[in-house]
Every structure is written in C-alpha cells, then in structure tokens.
Amino acid sequence: MPIFLFPDDPFWNEEADAVEFAVQVGEYQGRVFVTRRTLQGIVGHTPKPDEAVQQVCMNRPLFERATEQRIMARALDPDANIHLTGRDLHRAAG
C-alpha cells in the first residue's frame, strides 16, 4: 500500500491561477498547486490553462515526487497545502 495517495486528476483553478490536485498521507489531506509561473520555467512560455494541466498530467511522476519530498521535509505552506516551485521540481528531477 502506497504511503502517498493522489486521489484525483489535476484541474485548473482559475482563482489560484494554478493547476491543482489532491494529496493524501494517512489522515492528512491537502491540495497541491503548481502556478502558471512555475510551469513557465518548464515549457519556456506562459502556458494557457489547458496546456498547464496537460503538462502536469504528462509529467505527473515528477510533480508527485516533488510533493512527496515537500511533505517528508515537513515543508507545508501555512495553510497546510503545498505550492510547488521551480526549485522543488528541479530537486525532484535530480
């Protein structure tokens, strides 16, 4: 049984201007956000919402690994969610 669960598909959150997906570890349930600006560093331009979601889906193992590393480092945001940065993704790609 995996320690980390990612129970839903990524989707575009207009208010956050980010791709959002859920993460669950035991009792903890949080949201992960990947902003358009973070994705810009990966694709080389500012992606439209559909392209942003597609990038996260196509590279899901990378985003999940970055999320797992942040949780294991206890580096949650003040609201107990995670906003992945380019630095997080570079570490996970390591």
N, C-alpha and C. Protein backbone atom coordinates (compact mmCIF):
# COMPACT_ATOMS: atom_id res chain seq x y z
N MET A 1 0.85 -1.19 0.00
CA MET A 1 0.00 0.00 0.00
C MET A 1 0.89 1.25 0.00
N PRO A 2 0.66 2.18 -0.95
CA PRO A 2 1.50 3.37 -1.01
C PRO A 2 1.25 4.30 0.17
N ILE A 3 2.31 5.00 0.57
CA ILE A 3 2.19 5.96 1.66
C ILE A 3 1.45 7.20 1.17
N PHE A 4 1.79 7.66 -0.02
CA PHE A 4 1.19 8.86 -0.59
C PHE A 4 0.12 8.48 -1.60
N LEU A 5 -1.02 9.11 -1.51
CA LEU A 5 -2.10 8.88 -2.47
C LEU A 5 -2.42 10.19 -3.17
N PHE A 6 -2.66 10.11 -4.47
CA PHE A 6 -3.06 11.26 -5.27
C PHE A 6 -4.42 10.89 -5.88
N PRO A 7 -5.51 11.13 -5.12
CA PRO A 7 -6.81 10.57 -5.45
C PRO A 7 -7.55 11.19 -6.63
N ASP A 8 -7.16 12.34 -7.11
CA ASP A 8 -7.93 12.91 -8.22
C ASP A 8 -7.01 13.42 -9.31
N ASP A 9 -7.60 13.71 -10.45
CA ASP A 9 -6.84 14.23 -11.58
C ASP A 9 -6.60 15.72 -11.39
N PRO A 10 -5.47 16.21 -11.89
CA PRO A 10 -5.20 17.65 -11.83
C PRO A 10 -6.26 18.43 -12.62
N PHE A 11 -6.55 19.63 -12.14
CA PHE A 11 -7.50 20.50 -12.84
C PHE A 11 -7.04 21.94 -12.68
N TRP A 12 -7.58 22.82 -13.52
CA TRP A 12 -7.21 24.23 -13.48
C TRP A 12 -8.04 24.96 -12.43
N ASN A 13 -7.37 25.70 -11.54
CA ASN A 13 -8.03 26.52 -10.53
C ASN A 13 -7.83 27.97 -10.95
N GLU A 14 -8.88 28.56 -11.48
CA GLU A 14 -8.81 29.92 -12.03
C GLU A 14 -8.42 30.94 -10.95
N GLU A 15 -9.00 30.80 -9.77
CA GLU A 15 -8.73 31.75 -8.69
C GLU A 15 -7.26 31.75 -8.29
N ALA A 16 -6.66 30.58 -8.24
CA ALA A 16 -5.24 30.45 -7.85
C ALA A 16 -4.30 30.63 -9.05
N ASP A 17 -4.85 30.67 -10.27
CA ASP A 17 -4.06 30.73 -11.49
C ASP A 17 -3.03 29.60 -11.49
N ALA A 18 -3.53 28.39 -11.16
CA ALA A 18 -2.64 27.25 -10.98
C ALA A 18 -3.36 25.94 -11.28
N VAL A 19 -2.55 24.93 -11.59
CA VAL A 19 -3.06 23.56 -11.66
C VAL A 19 -3.14 23.08 -10.21
N GLU A 20 -4.21 22.37 -9.89
CA GLU A 20 -4.42 21.89 -8.52
C GLU A 20 -4.70 20.40 -8.54
N PHE A 21 -4.17 19.70 -7.54
CA PHE A 21 -4.51 18.29 -7.35
C PHE A 21 -4.40 17.96 -5.86
N ALA A 22 -5.02 16.87 -5.48
CA ALA A 22 -5.06 16.47 -4.07
C ALA A 22 -3.92 15.51 -3.74
N VAL A 23 -3.53 15.54 -2.46
CA VAL A 23 -2.58 14.57 -1.93
C VAL A 23 -3.11 14.10 -0.58
N GLN A 24 -2.90 12.83 -0.30
CA GLN A 24 -3.34 12.26 0.98
C GLN A 24 -2.23 11.38 1.53
N VAL A 25 -1.92 11.59 2.81
CA VAL A 25 -0.94 10.77 3.52
C VAL A 25 -1.58 10.45 4.86
N GLY A 26 -2.02 9.22 5.03
CA GLY A 26 -2.71 8.85 6.28
C GLY A 26 -3.90 9.76 6.49
N GLU A 27 -3.92 10.43 7.63
CA GLU A 27 -5.02 11.33 7.97
C GLU A 27 -4.93 12.68 7.26
N TYR A 28 -3.72 13.05 6.82
CA TYR A 28 -3.51 14.35 6.18
C TYR A 28 -4.08 14.35 4.77
N GLN A 29 -4.86 15.37 4.47
CA GLN A 29 -5.36 15.61 3.12
C GLN A 29 -5.08 17.06 2.79
N GLY A 30 -4.39 17.27 1.69
CA GLY A 30 -4.06 18.63 1.30
C GLY A 30 -4.21 18.83 -0.18
N ARG A 31 -3.98 20.05 -0.60
CA ARG A 31 -4.05 20.42 -2.00
C ARG A 31 -2.66 20.85 -2.45
N VAL A 32 -2.34 20.52 -3.68
CA VAL A 32 -1.06 20.91 -4.27
C VAL A 32 -1.37 21.87 -5.41
N PHE A 33 -0.61 22.96 -5.47
CA PHE A 33 -0.80 23.96 -6.50
C PHE A 33 0.50 24.13 -7.28
N VAL A 34 0.37 24.19 -8.61
CA VAL A 34 1.50 24.47 -9.49
C VAL A 34 1.09 25.67 -10.32
N THR A 35 1.68 26.82 -10.02
CA THR A 35 1.25 28.05 -10.69
C THR A 35 1.70 28.08 -12.15
N ARG A 36 1.02 28.92 -12.88
CA ARG A 36 1.36 29.12 -14.29
C ARG A 36 2.81 29.60 -14.40
N ARG A 37 3.22 30.45 -13.47
CA ARG A 37 4.59 30.98 -13.48
C ARG A 37 5.62 29.86 -13.28
N THR A 38 5.33 28.92 -12.39
CA THR A 38 6.23 27.78 -12.19
C THR A 38 6.32 26.96 -13.47
N LEU A 39 5.18 26.73 -14.11
CA LEU A 39 5.17 25.94 -15.34
C LEU A 39 5.87 26.67 -16.48
N GLN A 40 5.87 27.99 -16.44
CA GLN A 40 6.55 28.78 -17.47
C GLN A 40 8.03 28.42 -17.52
N GLY A 41 8.62 28.16 -16.37
CA GLY A 41 10.02 27.76 -16.33
C GLY A 41 10.28 26.42 -16.98
N ILE A 42 9.27 25.59 -17.07
CA ILE A 42 9.42 24.26 -17.67
C ILE A 42 9.18 24.31 -19.17
N VAL A 43 8.11 25.00 -19.60
CA VAL A 43 7.72 24.98 -21.01
C VAL A 43 8.32 26.14 -21.81
N GLY A 44 8.88 27.13 -21.13
CA GLY A 44 9.54 28.21 -21.84
C GLY A 44 8.64 29.36 -22.25
N HIS A 45 7.37 29.28 -21.93
CA HIS A 45 6.42 30.36 -22.19
C HIS A 45 5.28 30.25 -21.18
N THR A 46 4.45 31.27 -21.13
CA THR A 46 3.32 31.23 -20.20
C THR A 46 2.24 30.33 -20.79
N PRO A 47 2.00 29.18 -20.15
CA PRO A 47 1.02 28.25 -20.72
C PRO A 47 -0.42 28.69 -20.46
N LYS A 48 -1.28 28.37 -21.39
CA LYS A 48 -2.72 28.57 -21.19
C LYS A 48 -3.19 27.48 -20.22
N PRO A 49 -4.34 27.67 -19.57
CA PRO A 49 -4.81 26.68 -18.58
C PRO A 49 -4.81 25.24 -19.07
N ASP A 50 -5.33 24.99 -20.28
CA ASP A 50 -5.38 23.61 -20.78
C ASP A 50 -3.98 23.02 -20.94
N GLU A 51 -3.05 23.82 -21.43
CA GLU A 51 -1.68 23.35 -21.60
C GLU A 51 -1.02 23.11 -20.25
N ALA A 52 -1.33 23.96 -19.27
CA ALA A 52 -0.76 23.80 -17.92
C ALA A 52 -1.20 22.47 -17.31
N VAL A 53 -2.48 22.17 -17.40
CA VAL A 53 -3.00 20.89 -16.88
C VAL A 53 -2.36 19.73 -17.63
N GLN A 54 -2.23 19.86 -18.95
CA GLN A 54 -1.63 18.81 -19.75
C GLN A 54 -0.18 18.56 -19.33
N GLN A 55 0.58 19.62 -19.06
CA GLN A 55 1.97 19.47 -18.63
C GLN A 55 2.07 18.71 -17.31
N VAL A 56 1.17 19.04 -16.38
CA VAL A 56 1.19 18.33 -15.09
C VAL A 56 0.82 16.86 -15.30
N CYS A 57 -0.19 16.60 -16.11
CA CYS A 57 -0.60 15.21 -16.37
C CYS A 57 0.51 14.41 -17.06
N MET A 58 1.17 15.02 -18.03
CA MET A 58 2.23 14.33 -18.77
C MET A 58 3.46 14.08 -17.92
N ASN A 59 3.67 14.91 -16.92
CA ASN A 59 4.85 14.80 -16.05
C ASN A 59 4.45 14.49 -14.61
N ARG A 60 3.35 13.79 -14.46
CA ARG A 60 2.79 13.56 -13.13
C ARG A 60 3.78 12.93 -12.15
N PRO A 61 4.60 11.95 -12.55
CA PRO A 61 5.55 11.39 -11.59
C PRO A 61 6.49 12.45 -10.99
N LEU A 62 6.92 13.41 -11.79
CA LEU A 62 7.78 14.48 -11.30
C LEU A 62 7.06 15.32 -10.25
N PHE A 63 5.82 15.72 -10.54
CA PHE A 63 5.07 16.55 -9.61
C PHE A 63 4.72 15.79 -8.33
N GLU A 64 4.42 14.51 -8.45
CA GLU A 64 4.15 13.70 -7.27
C GLU A 64 5.41 13.53 -6.42
N ARG A 65 6.54 13.30 -7.07
CA ARG A 65 7.81 13.15 -6.34
C ARG A 65 8.15 14.46 -5.61
N ALA A 66 7.97 15.60 -6.27
CA ALA A 66 8.24 16.89 -5.63
C ALA A 66 7.31 17.09 -4.43
N THR A 67 6.06 16.69 -4.56
CA THR A 67 5.10 16.79 -3.47
C THR A 67 5.52 15.90 -2.30
N GLU A 68 5.89 14.67 -2.59
CA GLU A 68 6.33 13.75 -1.54
C GLU A 68 7.54 14.30 -0.80
N GLN A 69 8.49 14.87 -1.54
CA GLN A 69 9.68 15.43 -0.90
C GLN A 69 9.33 16.59 0.02
N ARG A 70 8.41 17.44 -0.41
CA ARG A 70 8.00 18.56 0.44
C ARG A 70 7.33 18.07 1.72
N ILE A 71 6.49 17.05 1.60
CA ILE A 71 5.80 16.51 2.78
C ILE A 71 6.81 15.86 3.72
N MET A 72 7.72 15.08 3.17
CA MET A 72 8.71 14.41 4.01
C MET A 72 9.63 15.41 4.71
N ALA A 73 9.85 16.56 4.08
CA ALA A 73 10.67 17.61 4.69
C ALA A 73 9.83 18.49 5.62
N ARG A 74 8.55 18.16 5.74
CA ARG A 74 7.60 18.94 6.56
C ARG A 74 7.58 20.41 6.14
N ALA A 75 7.64 20.61 4.82
CA ALA A 75 7.67 21.96 4.26
C ALA A 75 6.31 22.33 3.68
N LEU A 76 5.30 22.29 4.53
CA LEU A 76 3.96 22.67 4.10
C LEU A 76 3.80 24.19 4.21
N ASP A 77 2.90 24.73 3.41
CA ASP A 77 2.58 26.15 3.50
C ASP A 77 1.79 26.39 4.79
N PRO A 78 1.66 27.64 5.22
CA PRO A 78 0.92 27.93 6.45
C PRO A 78 -0.52 27.38 6.45
N ASP A 79 -1.13 27.25 5.26
CA ASP A 79 -2.49 26.72 5.19
C ASP A 79 -2.50 25.19 5.09
N ALA A 80 -1.35 24.55 5.28
CA ALA A 80 -1.16 23.09 5.25
C ALA A 80 -1.29 22.52 3.84
N ASN A 81 -1.24 23.36 2.83
CA ASN A 81 -1.21 22.92 1.45
C ASN A 81 0.21 23.08 0.91
N ILE A 82 0.39 22.78 -0.36
CA ILE A 82 1.71 22.86 -0.96
C ILE A 82 1.62 23.65 -2.25
N HIS A 83 2.46 24.65 -2.40
CA HIS A 83 2.61 25.39 -3.64
C HIS A 83 4.00 25.04 -4.18
N LEU A 84 4.04 24.18 -5.20
CA LEU A 84 5.32 23.75 -5.73
C LEU A 84 6.01 24.88 -6.47
N THR A 85 7.32 24.94 -6.33
CA THR A 85 8.13 25.95 -7.01
C THR A 85 9.03 25.27 -8.04
N GLY A 86 9.64 26.08 -8.86
CA GLY A 86 10.61 25.55 -9.80
C GLY A 86 11.75 24.83 -9.08
N ARG A 87 12.16 25.36 -7.94
CA ARG A 87 13.22 24.73 -7.15
C ARG A 87 12.80 23.34 -6.68
N ASP A 88 11.53 23.19 -6.26
CA ASP A 88 11.03 21.87 -5.85
C ASP A 88 11.11 20.89 -7.01
N LEU A 89 10.73 21.34 -8.19
CA LEU A 89 10.73 20.45 -9.36
C LEU A 89 12.14 20.08 -9.78
N HIS A 90 13.09 21.03 -9.70
CA HIS A 90 14.48 20.72 -10.04
C HIS A 90 15.06 19.70 -9.07
N ARG A 91 14.75 19.84 -7.78
CA ARG A 91 15.21 18.87 -6.78
C ARG A 91 14.65 17.48 -7.08
N ALA A 92 13.36 17.43 -7.40
CA ALA A 92 12.71 16.15 -7.65
C ALA A 92 13.24 15.49 -8.93
N ALA A 93 13.63 16.30 -9.89
CA ALA A 93 14.15 15.74 -11.15
C ALA A 93 15.56 15.21 -10.97
N GLY A 94 16.25 15.77 -9.93
CA GLY A 94 17.60 15.46 -9.52
C GLY A 94 18.31 14.41 -10.16
